[in-house]
Protein backbone atom coordinates (compact mmCIF):
# COMPACT_ATOMS: atom_id res chain seq x y z
CA UNK A 1 114.14 105.00 130.37
CA UNK A 2 115.17 106.84 127.25
CA UNK A 3 113.60 110.24 126.66
CA UNK A 4 113.09 111.59 123.18
CA UNK A 5 113.76 115.13 124.44
CA UNK A 6 117.25 116.56 124.86
CA UNK A 7 119.19 119.77 124.73
CA UNK A 8 121.69 120.12 121.94
CA UNK A 9 123.91 123.20 122.15
CA UNK A 10 121.40 124.84 124.49
CA UNK A 11 118.37 124.23 122.25
CA UNK A 12 115.57 121.82 123.09
CA UNK A 13 115.13 118.98 120.58
CA UNK A 14 112.50 116.27 120.22
CA UNK A 15 113.97 113.13 118.66
CA UNK A 16 116.73 115.14 117.02
CA UNK A 17 114.48 117.90 115.66
CA UNK A 18 114.81 121.44 116.98
CA UNK A 19 111.69 122.49 118.87
CA UNK A 20 112.38 126.10 117.85
CA UNK A 21 112.22 125.10 114.18
CA UNK A 22 108.97 123.23 114.77
CA UNK A 23 107.45 126.27 116.47
CA UNK A 24 108.52 128.49 113.57
CA UNK A 25 106.91 126.07 111.11
CA UNK A 26 103.69 125.17 112.98
CA UNK A 27 103.23 127.96 115.53
CA UNK A 28 101.95 127.59 119.07
CA UNK A 29 100.45 125.96 120.94
CA UNK A 30 102.36 122.94 119.69
CA UNK A 31 101.98 119.50 121.23
CA UNK A 32 105.01 117.25 120.78
CA UNK A 33 105.15 113.57 121.64
CA UNK A 34 108.22 111.39 121.60
CA UNK A 35 107.68 107.98 120.04
CA UNK A 36 110.97 106.84 121.60
CA UNK A 37 109.83 107.88 125.07
CA UNK A 38 106.45 106.13 124.77
CA UNK A 39 108.01 102.91 123.45
CA UNK A 40 110.82 102.99 126.00
CA UNK A 41 108.23 103.24 128.78
CA UNK A 42 106.30 100.26 127.39
CA UNK A 43 109.52 98.22 127.16
CA UNK A 44 110.37 99.05 130.79
CA UNK A 45 106.90 97.96 131.96
CA UNK A 46 107.17 94.73 129.98
CA UNK A 47 110.64 94.09 131.39
CA UNK A 48 109.37 94.63 134.94
CA UNK A 49 106.41 92.32 134.39
CA UNK A 50 108.35 89.56 132.64
CA UNK A 51 107.15 86.14 133.78
CA UNK A 52 103.79 87.53 134.94
CA UNK A 53 100.71 87.29 132.73
CA UNK A 54 99.77 90.89 132.03
CA UNK A 55 98.32 93.43 129.63
CA UNK A 56 99.58 96.99 129.80
CA UNK A 57 96.70 99.41 129.20
CA UNK A 58 96.81 103.11 128.39
CA UNK A 59 94.19 105.45 129.90
CA UNK A 60 92.61 107.04 126.83
CA UNK A 61 91.16 109.73 129.10
CA UNK A 62 94.71 111.01 129.65
CA UNK A 63 95.43 111.48 125.93
CA UNK A 64 93.09 110.51 123.09
CA UNK A 65 95.46 111.47 120.25
CA UNK A 66 94.89 108.73 117.67
CA UNK A 67 98.54 108.66 116.61
CA UNK A 68 99.56 108.00 120.21
CA UNK A 69 96.88 105.32 120.56
CA UNK A 70 97.98 103.61 117.33
CA UNK A 71 101.61 103.66 118.47
CA UNK A 72 100.78 102.07 121.82
CA UNK A 73 98.41 99.54 120.25
CA UNK A 74 101.19 98.57 117.86
CA UNK A 75 103.39 97.99 120.92
CA UNK A 76 100.82 95.52 122.26
CA UNK A 77 99.04 97.81 124.74
CA UNK A 78 95.34 97.74 125.51
CA UNK A 79 93.19 100.84 125.93
CA UNK A 80 91.34 101.74 129.12
CA UNK A 81 88.27 103.85 128.33
CA UNK A 82 85.73 105.20 130.79
CA UNK A 83 83.11 107.25 128.98
CA UNK A 84 81.96 109.68 126.32
CA UNK A 85 85.04 111.28 124.80
CA UNK A 86 87.31 108.31 125.30
CA UNK A 87 84.78 105.90 123.81
CA UNK A 88 85.08 107.67 120.45
CA UNK A 89 87.91 105.21 119.99
CA UNK A 90 85.41 102.39 119.60
CA UNK A 91 83.00 104.33 117.41
CA UNK A 92 84.63 103.04 114.25
CA UNK A 93 87.08 105.92 113.87
CA UNK A 94 89.96 103.63 114.77
CA UNK A 95 89.31 99.98 114.06
CA UNK A 96 92.86 98.83 114.88
CA UNK A 97 92.31 99.42 118.60
CA UNK A 98 91.22 95.91 119.60
CA UNK A 99 91.92 95.61 123.32
CA UNK A 100 89.44 97.99 124.96
CA UNK A 101 88.55 97.87 128.63
CA UNK A 102 85.57 99.87 129.85
CA UNK A 103 85.33 101.10 133.43
CA UNK A 104 82.17 102.25 135.14
């Protein structure tokens, strides 16, 4: 699995961008996500499940960042939502999230 995080000359980078420079620009706390890492993980799951009917779902409770949810939806993932905060996804704020699974 390919990670979007690496050290280049002793400095942490996220997808080729210096984390130090991002901190200087945006301050802390700073939450960084690697699109490459997310998509690489989805590809690995799909590869492992090849030949089996499946739908890979992301637990919205673990991270409800809409950019992350859009990215995973675009990769064909469904969304697993359980309650209150995670169901904001279906409240009309993000209409592109079509595959929602509710758990009691």
